[in-house]
Protein backbone atom coordinates (compact mmCIF):
# COMPACT_ATOMS: atom_id res chain seq x y z
CA UNK A 1 154.88 206.79 79.30
CA UNK A 2 155.15 207.14 75.53
CA UNK A 3 152.96 204.91 73.51
CA UNK A 4 155.23 201.93 72.04
CA UNK A 5 155.00 202.78 68.06
CA UNK A 6 153.72 200.51 65.37
CA UNK A 7 151.32 200.93 62.31
CA UNK A 8 147.75 201.89 63.48
CA UNK A 9 144.69 200.88 61.22
CA UNK A 10 141.73 203.23 60.98
CA UNK A 11 139.49 203.65 64.05
CA UNK A 12 136.57 202.80 61.87
CA UNK A 13 138.14 199.89 60.49
CA UNK A 14 139.70 198.53 63.66
CA UNK A 15 135.85 198.81 65.26
CA UNK A 16 134.39 196.94 62.19
CA UNK A 17 132.96 193.66 62.93
CA UNK A 18 134.90 190.97 61.22
CA UNK A 19 133.13 187.49 59.60
CA UNK A 20 136.52 186.11 60.05
CA UNK A 21 136.76 186.17 63.46
CA UNK A 22 133.45 184.77 63.64
CA UNK A 23 134.18 181.95 61.76
CA UNK A 24 137.38 181.03 63.65
CA UNK A 25 135.40 181.31 67.19
CA UNK A 26 132.41 178.90 65.43
CA UNK A 27 135.37 176.46 64.62
CA UNK A 28 136.64 176.30 67.74
CA UNK A 29 133.70 175.81 69.37
CA UNK A 30 133.21 172.80 67.38
CA UNK A 31 136.82 171.53 67.83
CA UNK A 32 135.75 171.65 71.80
CA UNK A 33 132.21 169.79 71.26
CA UNK A 34 134.33 166.96 69.26
CA UNK A 35 137.34 166.52 71.71
CA UNK A 36 134.96 166.35 74.80
CA UNK A 37 133.22 163.65 72.88
CA UNK A 38 136.05 161.77 72.79
CA UNK A 39 137.02 162.24 76.43
CA UNK A 40 133.93 161.10 78.11
CA UNK A 41 133.38 157.60 78.78
CA UNK A 42 131.10 155.88 81.18
CA UNK A 43 130.89 152.33 82.97
CA UNK A 44 128.27 150.61 85.20
CA UNK A 45 129.89 148.11 87.31
CA UNK A 46 127.86 144.74 88.49
CA UNK A 47 127.89 146.34 92.06
CA UNK A 48 125.83 149.23 90.80
CA UNK A 49 128.73 151.81 90.88
CA UNK A 50 129.59 153.86 88.01
CA UNK A 51 132.87 155.45 86.82
CA UNK A 52 133.96 157.62 84.32
CA UNK A 53 137.21 157.53 82.32
CA UNK A 54 139.01 160.90 80.43
CA UNK A 55 140.04 158.27 77.46
CA UNK A 56 142.14 160.91 75.17
CA UNK A 57 144.52 161.63 78.54
CA UNK A 58 145.18 157.86 78.70
CA UNK A 59 146.54 157.91 74.82
CA UNK A 60 149.92 158.40 74.01
CA UNK A 61 149.59 160.12 71.01
CA UNK A 62 147.36 162.66 72.59
CA UNK A 63 150.14 164.83 73.92
CA UNK A 64 151.54 166.19 70.40
CA UNK A 65 148.06 166.23 69.12
CA UNK A 66 146.72 168.41 72.26
CA UNK A 67 149.51 170.93 71.44
CA UNK A 68 147.65 171.79 68.22
CA UNK A 69 143.94 171.30 69.42
CA UNK A 70 144.35 173.47 72.73
CA UNK A 71 142.54 176.42 71.14
CA UNK A 72 141.57 177.85 74.53
CA UNK A 73 144.35 180.77 74.18
CA UNK A 74 142.72 181.53 70.67
CA UNK A 75 139.29 182.02 72.41
CA UNK A 76 140.71 184.47 74.45
CA UNK A 77 142.78 186.30 71.51
CA UNK A 78 139.38 186.52 69.90
CA UNK A 79 137.40 187.75 72.64
CA UNK A 80 140.58 190.60 73.02
CA UNK A 81 139.50 191.47 69.66
CA UNK A 82 135.98 191.64 69.90
CA UNK A 83 136.00 192.85 73.35
CA UNK A 84 138.48 195.83 72.58
CA UNK A 85 136.08 196.72 69.79
CA UNK A 86 132.84 196.80 72.03
CA UNK A 87 134.50 198.69 74.57
CA UNK A 88 135.55 201.52 72.34
CA UNK A 89 131.92 201.75 70.58
CA UNK A 90 130.63 201.86 74.05
CA UNK A 91 132.86 204.69 75.16
CA UNK A 92 132.42 206.57 71.94
CA UNK A 93 128.57 206.44 72.89
CA UNK A 94 129.44 207.91 76.26
CA UNK A 95 129.54 204.55 78.39
CA UNK A 96 131.81 203.70 81.38
CA UNK A 97 133.70 201.03 82.58
CA UNK A 98 131.27 200.34 84.98
CA UNK A 99 128.28 200.25 81.69
CA UNK A 100 130.60 197.51 80.03
CA UNK A 101 131.21 195.45 83.14
CA UNK A 102 127.32 195.41 83.65
CA UNK A 103 126.56 194.24 79.73
CA UNK A 104 129.38 191.31 79.74
CA UNK A 105 128.25 190.07 82.95
CA UNK A 106 124.55 189.99 81.83
CA UNK A 107 125.69 188.39 78.60
CA UNK A 108 127.70 185.87 80.31
CA UNK A 109 125.94 185.06 83.92
CA UNK A 110 122.07 184.80 82.42
CA UNK A 111 123.01 181.82 80.34
CA UNK A 112 125.04 179.97 82.98
CA UNK A 113 122.21 181.12 85.82
CA UNK A 114 119.69 178.72 83.55
CA UNK A 115 122.12 176.07 83.23
CA UNK A 116 122.82 175.77 87.36
CA UNK A 117 119.16 176.20 88.21
CA UNK A 118 118.23 173.56 85.26
CA UNK A 119 120.76 171.03 86.59
CA UNK A 120 120.18 171.59 90.08
CA UNK A 121 116.55 170.85 90.01
CA UNK A 122 116.66 168.22 87.61
CA UNK A 123 119.34 166.29 89.53
CA UNK A 124 117.52 166.82 92.85
CA UNK A 125 114.36 165.06 90.94
CA UNK A 126 116.51 162.09 89.90
CA UNK A 127 118.02 161.55 93.47
CA UNK A 128 114.39 161.44 94.94
CA UNK A 129 113.68 159.16 92.12
CA UNK A 130 116.19 156.72 93.48
CA UNK A 131 119.37 157.44 91.48
CA UNK A 132 122.47 156.54 93.12
CA UNK A 133 124.14 159.50 95.10
CA UNK A 134 127.41 158.62 92.90
CA UNK A 135 125.79 159.21 89.67
CA UNK A 136 124.48 162.61 90.89
CA UNK A 137 127.90 163.83 91.36
CA UNK A 138 129.41 162.42 88.36
CA UNK A 139 126.82 164.40 86.45
CA UNK A 140 127.23 167.52 88.74
CA UNK A 141 130.94 167.41 88.02
CA UNK A 142 130.08 167.52 84.39
CA UNK A 143 129.14 171.15 84.74
CA UNK A 144 132.65 172.12 86.78
CA UNK A 145 134.58 171.93 83.19
CA UNK A 146 132.40 174.88 81.64
CA UNK A 147 132.34 176.80 84.49
CA UNK A 148 136.22 177.15 84.92
CA UNK A 149 136.23 178.74 81.46
CA UNK A 150 133.86 181.09 82.36
CA UNK A 151 134.99 182.24 85.25
CA UNK A 152 138.48 182.96 83.57
CA UNK A 153 136.94 184.39 80.51
CA UNK A 154 134.57 186.42 82.59
CA UNK A 155 137.77 187.68 84.70
CA UNK A 156 139.33 188.89 81.50
CA UNK A 157 136.50 190.55 79.99
CA UNK A 158 135.71 192.60 83.05
CA UNK A 159 139.55 193.76 82.95
CA UNK A 160 139.22 195.37 79.79
CA UNK A 161 138.06 198.65 80.22
CA UNK A 162 141.45 199.11 82.46
CA UNK A 163 143.65 197.03 80.32
CA UNK A 164 142.52 198.83 77.32
CA UNK A 165 143.76 202.27 79.02
CA UNK A 166 147.39 200.51 79.74
CA UNK A 167 147.33 199.43 75.82
CA UNK A 168 146.35 202.99 74.61
CA UNK A 169 149.55 204.31 76.32
CA UNK A 170 152.04 201.80 76.02
CA UNK A 171 150.81 198.34 74.33
CA UNK A 172 154.01 196.32 73.80
CA UNK A 173 155.08 197.38 77.39
CA UNK A 174 151.84 196.33 79.12
CA UNK A 175 152.02 192.68 77.34
CA UNK A 176 155.72 192.80 78.74
CA UNK A 177 154.60 193.49 81.96
CA UNK A 178 152.31 190.55 81.81
CA UNK A 179 155.02 188.21 80.66
CA UNK A 180 157.23 189.27 83.71
CA UNK A 181 154.10 188.61 86.08
CA UNK A 182 153.31 185.14 84.38
CA UNK A 183 157.16 184.13 84.63
CA UNK A 184 157.29 185.17 88.13
CA UNK A 185 154.70 183.27 89.33
CA UNK A 186 155.55 180.16 87.31
CA UNK A 187 158.66 180.41 89.17
CA UNK A 188 156.87 180.76 92.88
CA UNK A 189 154.29 177.91 92.29
CA UNK A 190 156.76 175.15 93.49
CA UNK A 191 157.28 176.75 96.86
CA UNK A 192 153.92 178.66 97.07
CA UNK A 193 151.30 176.16 95.23
CA UNK A 194 148.05 178.69 95.68
CA UNK A 195 149.96 181.58 94.10
CA UNK A 196 149.96 179.57 90.72
CA UNK A 197 146.12 180.64 90.27
CA UNK A 198 146.89 184.14 89.99
CA UNK A 199 147.86 183.21 86.59
CA UNK A 200 144.27 182.75 85.75
CA UNK A 201 144.40 186.52 85.55
CA UNK A 202 147.98 187.02 84.27
CA UNK A 203 148.06 184.29 81.46
CA UNK A 204 144.80 185.33 80.19
CA UNK A 205 144.82 189.04 80.50
CA UNK A 206 148.19 188.65 78.24
CA UNK A 207 146.50 186.38 75.74
CA UNK A 208 143.58 189.02 75.55
CA UNK A 209 146.09 191.98 75.07
CA UNK A 210 147.11 189.99 71.87
CA UNK A 211 143.59 190.46 70.36
CA UNK A 212 144.25 194.02 71.14
CA UNK A 213 146.99 194.12 68.97
CA UNK A 214 145.29 192.22 66.27
CA UNK A 215 142.16 194.59 66.71
CA UNK A 216 144.49 197.84 66.12
CA UNK A 217 146.31 195.92 63.20
CA UNK A 218 149.76 195.13 64.64
CA UNK A 219 149.56 191.72 63.07
CA UNK A 220 148.07 192.81 60.13
CA UNK A 221 151.12 195.26 59.33
CA UNK A 222 153.48 192.25 59.88
CA UNK A 223 155.32 190.56 57.38
CA UNK A 224 154.81 186.93 56.27
CA UNK A 225 157.97 186.16 56.98
CA UNK A 226 158.00 188.07 60.11
CA UNK A 227 154.44 186.17 61.24
CA UNK A 228 156.13 182.59 60.25
CA UNK A 229 159.41 183.70 62.41
CA UNK A 230 156.88 184.44 65.49
CA UNK A 231 155.03 180.90 64.90
CA UNK A 232 158.27 178.84 64.56
CA UNK A 233 160.09 181.00 67.84
CA UNK A 234 157.01 180.41 70.22
CA UNK A 235 156.82 176.85 69.17
CA UNK A 236 160.72 176.22 69.35
CA UNK A 237 160.53 178.07 72.93
CA UNK A 238 157.17 176.19 73.87
CA UNK A 239 159.43 172.85 73.12
CA UNK A 240 162.49 173.88 75.05
CA UNK A 241 160.66 174.66 78.31
CA UNK A 242 158.67 171.42 78.05
CA UNK A 243 161.41 169.35 76.96
CA UNK A 244 163.76 170.20 79.95
CA UNK A 245 161.00 169.50 82.00
CA UNK A 246 160.49 173.11 83.33
CA UNK A 247 156.73 172.84 82.07
CA UNK A 248 154.71 169.47 81.33
CA UNK A 249 154.40 168.64 77.83
CA UNK A 250 150.79 167.95 78.45
CA UNK A 251 149.00 171.05 77.42
CA UNK A 252 145.62 170.00 78.92
CA UNK A 253 147.61 169.93 82.19
CA UNK A 254 149.23 173.17 81.74
CA UNK A 255 145.87 174.90 81.47
CA UNK A 256 144.69 174.67 85.23
CA UNK A 257 145.97 176.79 86.12
CA UNK A 258 147.52 178.22 83.44
CA UNK A 259 151.23 179.12 82.68
CA UNK A 260 153.61 180.71 80.37
CA UNK A 261 152.99 177.80 77.87
CA UNK A 262 149.52 178.78 76.96
CA UNK A 263 150.90 182.40 76.13
CA UNK A 264 153.34 180.72 73.85
CA UNK A 265 150.59 178.90 72.02
CA UNK A 266 148.49 182.31 71.85
CA UNK A 267 151.18 183.92 70.20
CA UNK A 268 151.31 181.23 67.63
CA UNK A 269 147.80 180.73 67.17
CA UNK A 270 147.12 184.63 66.52
CA UNK A 271 150.29 184.66 64.18
CA UNK A 272 148.59 181.89 62.33
CA UNK A 273 145.44 183.45 62.42
CA UNK A 274 146.87 186.20 60.56
CA UNK A 275 148.79 184.36 58.01
CA UNK A 276 145.57 182.40 57.04
CA UNK A 277 143.37 185.19 57.34
CA UNK A 278 142.70 185.84 53.88
CA UNK A 279 141.93 182.39 53.13
CA UNK A 280 139.12 182.28 56.23
CA UNK A 281 137.76 185.60 54.99
CA UNK A 282 137.08 183.94 51.74
CA UNK A 283 135.32 180.94 53.53
CA UNK A 284 133.42 183.48 56.00
CA UNK A 285 131.86 185.18 52.88
CA UNK A 286 130.50 181.78 51.28
CA UNK A 287 126.46 182.61 52.02
CA UNK A 288 125.46 179.23 53.78
CA UNK A 289 128.44 179.77 56.09
CA UNK A 290 127.25 183.03 56.86
CA UNK A 291 123.80 181.89 57.67
CA UNK A 292 125.06 179.22 59.62
CA UNK A 293 127.57 181.59 61.91
CA UNK A 294 124.86 184.17 62.20
CA UNK A 295 122.53 181.51 63.76
CA UNK A 296 124.91 179.83 66.06
CA UNK A 297 127.59 182.49 66.53
CA UNK A 298 125.15 184.70 68.52
CA UNK A 299 124.27 181.20 71.09
CA UNK A 300 128.05 180.30 71.32
CA UNK A 301 127.91 180.44 75.10
CA UNK A 302 124.98 178.51 75.54
CA UNK A 303 126.36 175.77 73.39
CA UNK A 304 129.81 175.82 75.14
CA UNK A 305 128.02 175.59 78.86
CA UNK A 306 125.53 172.89 78.03
CA UNK A 307 127.23 170.43 75.39
CA UNK A 308 129.51 168.71 78.30
CA UNK A 309 126.32 168.50 80.83
CA UNK A 310 124.45 166.91 77.62
CA UNK A 311 127.05 164.97 76.77
CA UNK A 312 127.47 163.34 80.37
CA UNK A 313 123.62 163.01 80.96
CA UNK A 314 123.15 161.27 77.92
CA UNK A 315 125.98 158.86 78.57
CA UNK A 316 124.50 158.03 82.14
CA UNK A 317 120.72 157.41 80.55
CA UNK A 318 122.77 155.19 78.12
CA UNK A 319 123.64 153.29 80.87
CA UNK A 320 120.36 152.02 81.66
CA UNK A 321 119.59 150.74 78.28
CA UNK A 322 120.35 147.25 76.29
CA UNK A 323 122.53 149.21 73.61
CA UNK A 324 125.88 147.95 73.33
CA UNK A 325 128.82 149.66 75.28
CA UNK A 326 132.25 149.05 73.16
CA UNK A 327 135.02 149.15 75.41
CA UNK A 328 136.68 152.59 75.81
CA UNK A 329 139.68 152.82 73.61
CA UNK A 330 138.65 150.07 71.17
CA UNK A 331 138.14 150.69 67.80
CA UNK A 332 134.26 150.15 68.00
CA UNK A 333 134.51 152.70 70.55
CA UNK A 334 136.07 155.32 68.46
CA UNK A 335 134.01 154.81 65.75
CA UNK A 336 130.94 155.39 68.26
CA UNK A 337 132.35 158.87 68.72
CA UNK A 338 130.69 159.66 65.55
CA UNK A 339 127.01 158.99 66.47
CA UNK A 340 127.89 160.46 69.91
CA UNK A 341 128.93 163.87 68.27
CA UNK A 342 125.97 164.20 66.37
CA UNK A 343 123.48 162.89 68.91
CA UNK A 344 125.12 165.66 71.42
CA UNK A 345 124.39 168.61 68.55
CA UNK A 346 120.71 167.03 68.09
CA UNK A 347 119.94 167.67 71.78
CA UNK A 348 121.75 171.30 71.70
CA UNK A 349 119.11 172.29 69.21
CA UNK A 350 116.32 172.31 71.54
CA UNK A 351 118.43 173.65 74.24
CA UNK A 352 119.42 176.52 72.15
CA UNK A 353 116.06 177.10 71.18
CA UNK A 354 114.54 177.21 74.73
CA UNK A 355 117.61 179.12 76.50
CA UNK A 356 119.70 180.74 73.64
CA UNK A 357 117.51 183.93 73.89
CA UNK A 358 119.13 184.90 77.21
CA UNK A 359 122.35 185.56 75.28
CA UNK A 360 120.38 188.19 73.63
CA UNK A 361 122.14 191.51 73.93
CA UNK A 362 120.64 193.91 77.06
CA UNK A 363 117.89 196.59 75.86
CA UNK A 364 116.34 199.34 77.94
CA UNK A 365 114.13 202.15 77.07
CA UNK A 366 115.44 205.66 76.66
CA UNK A 367 116.79 207.23 79.96
CA UNK A 368 117.10 204.38 81.85
CA UNK A 369 118.57 204.84 85.07
CA UNK A 370 121.24 201.94 85.70
CA UNK A 371 122.56 200.23 88.73
CA UNK A 372 125.36 202.02 90.78
CA UNK A 373 128.99 200.93 90.95
CA UNK A 374 128.54 199.21 94.10
CA UNK A 375 125.65 197.11 92.53
CA UNK A 376 127.93 196.12 89.73
CA UNK A 377 130.77 195.19 91.67
CA UNK A 378 129.18 193.50 94.16
CA UNK A 379 127.35 191.52 91.22
CA UNK A 380 130.88 190.22 89.95
CA UNK A 381 131.82 189.25 93.56
CA UNK A 382 128.69 186.97 93.72
CA UNK A 383 129.14 185.38 90.80
CA UNK A 384 132.71 184.63 91.01
CA UNK A 385 132.74 183.61 94.72
CA UNK A 386 130.87 180.19 94.09
CA UNK A 387 132.85 179.58 90.47
CA UNK A 388 136.00 179.76 92.67
CA UNK A 389 134.82 177.72 95.10
CA UNK A 390 133.88 174.99 92.54
CA UNK A 391 137.57 175.40 90.87
CA UNK A 392 139.06 174.75 94.55
CA UNK A 393 136.88 172.30 96.08
CA UNK A 394 135.11 170.68 93.19
CA UNK A 395 131.32 171.15 92.58
CA UNK A 396 128.65 169.53 94.67
CA UNK A 397 124.75 169.21 94.29
CA UNK A 398 124.88 171.77 97.25
CA UNK A 399 127.18 174.49 95.42
CA UNK A 400 125.12 173.87 92.13
CA UNK A 401 122.15 175.19 93.77
CA UNK A 402 123.84 177.84 95.50
CA UNK A 403 125.93 178.95 92.30
CA UNK A 404 122.56 179.34 90.58
CA UNK A 405 121.14 181.67 93.52
CA UNK A 406 124.25 183.55 93.58
CA UNK A 407 124.02 184.10 89.52
CA UNK A 408 120.36 185.03 89.72
CA UNK A 409 121.04 187.47 92.56
CA UNK A 410 123.64 189.16 90.15
CA UNK A 411 121.23 189.49 87.37
CA UNK A 412 118.89 191.38 89.77
CA UNK A 413 121.51 193.49 91.08
CA UNK A 414 122.81 194.49 87.49
CA UNK A 415 119.38 195.78 87.04
CA UNK A 416 118.33 197.85 84.15
CA UNK A 417 120.92 198.96 81.53
CA UNK A 418 121.30 202.71 81.27
CA UNK A 419 120.94 204.42 77.77
CA UNK A 420 124.52 205.56 76.33
CA UNK A 421 124.53 209.32 75.55
CA UNK A 422 125.18 209.57 72.19
CA UNK A 423 126.83 212.31 70.57
CA UNK A 424 124.94 214.98 69.04
CA UNK A 425 123.45 214.15 65.72
CA UNK A 426 125.12 215.81 62.74
CA UNK A 427 123.46 218.91 60.70
CA UNK A 428 122.43 216.81 58.06
CA UNK A 429 120.11 214.80 60.39
CA UNK A 430 118.38 217.84 61.64
CA UNK A 431 117.79 219.10 57.95
CA UNK A 432 116.50 215.51 56.84
CA UNK A 433 113.75 215.77 59.84
CA UNK A 434 113.05 219.38 58.77
CA UNK A 435 112.22 218.17 54.83
CA UNK A 436 110.28 215.56 56.27
CA UNK A 437 112.25 212.56 55.43
CA UNK A 438 112.39 209.51 58.14
CA UNK A 439 115.75 210.09 60.14
CA UNK A 440 117.89 206.91 60.63
CA UNK A 441 118.21 206.73 64.76
CA UNK A 442 114.55 205.80 66.58
CA UNK A 443 112.95 208.38 68.14
CA UNK A 444 113.46 209.01 72.14
CA UNK A 445 111.49 206.64 74.22
CA UNK A 446 111.79 203.66 72.01
CA UNK A 447 113.89 200.41 73.14
CA UNK A 448 117.00 200.14 71.55
CA UNK A 449 119.78 197.60 71.58
CA UNK A 450 122.80 199.03 73.70
CA UNK A 451 125.15 196.08 73.32
CA UNK A 452 128.08 197.64 71.66
């Protein structure tokens, strides 16, 4: 099969870290935290029961706003850019697809393991202290929303070595094949509702392929007219399929399970990102913005996983106080979202300080022997089973503990990180060493950062 033709960028340029990508990812994370702060509203009733309300979903104006604020596809586009670059760097150093899977699992599973274990222990203590089981269940459900994203994102990331091979041979044909699979599943979901969940793979892999194209310079080589046309066309098509009721108009409804609408949004967002690339690049060059992204960007998964449980927990504790509690949806309630947002951010600071190091890139001594392929596959299955159970049946306190145990087992199975086989050093390095100058690479036997 011949490779689709389009202008490609230099391989070194494609593998270089782009600060604009980091800034967009950071901005998307802030939008997610802010939106969740505007969703959760808890109420304590006279009979002692507690209920939660999703205020945003009840607002008529939210449907068109959600069209613009549904930035989950953009997360997967950015994940495709950085994921493809990481895989290519690892592969150039002698790494395999199983090495890549091991590194990705460790980076994503370790922060989630800490969250599940902490919540399970804390909620059991609360239950023993007499907190109503209904309140415990509501707080348990607060951890379910971040987990679905973790499952979808992890599945897409683990597919990168395989999808990168297809992309290398025929990038546009690979994307077209995924589109056909998405439409086929969407067409059958009415007769076979369960089949709709296979689009958790097809949709997010397709959106991730847009990131592959961006990493290879496909969008960079398009004219502004082409990019504007892509934005307009994808949104017009999205308006058509939702306007004739083929798909719901609410993008939050379309996300679980995902459908063609999310891919259309991804196309629009990828093209928009390229249109704004110069301005974003300028902002990313501002010193204080660079410093903020350098600190928070390395802890993005910790922020994402913890912000909603912290919000739910804080809301539950506020119910036990005498602080004024405005009715959901009133002007007072909306104004209160500002201090709520900053309160969640304040709570995240110590959490990120304590648990953020679990996102550190895995390291290993030179010549470390990594786990077997069977161990890596088993670790992935062990992680995905409790997450899939939570997605289909809801998260319970028992499943929360089981998930923490499964995640811990996965980390143990992954074991030590193998040292990649680096290419032979150039002759210049040998001459430098003979002349007494210090080499640029560490001496054998030292620990080295192995994350690509």
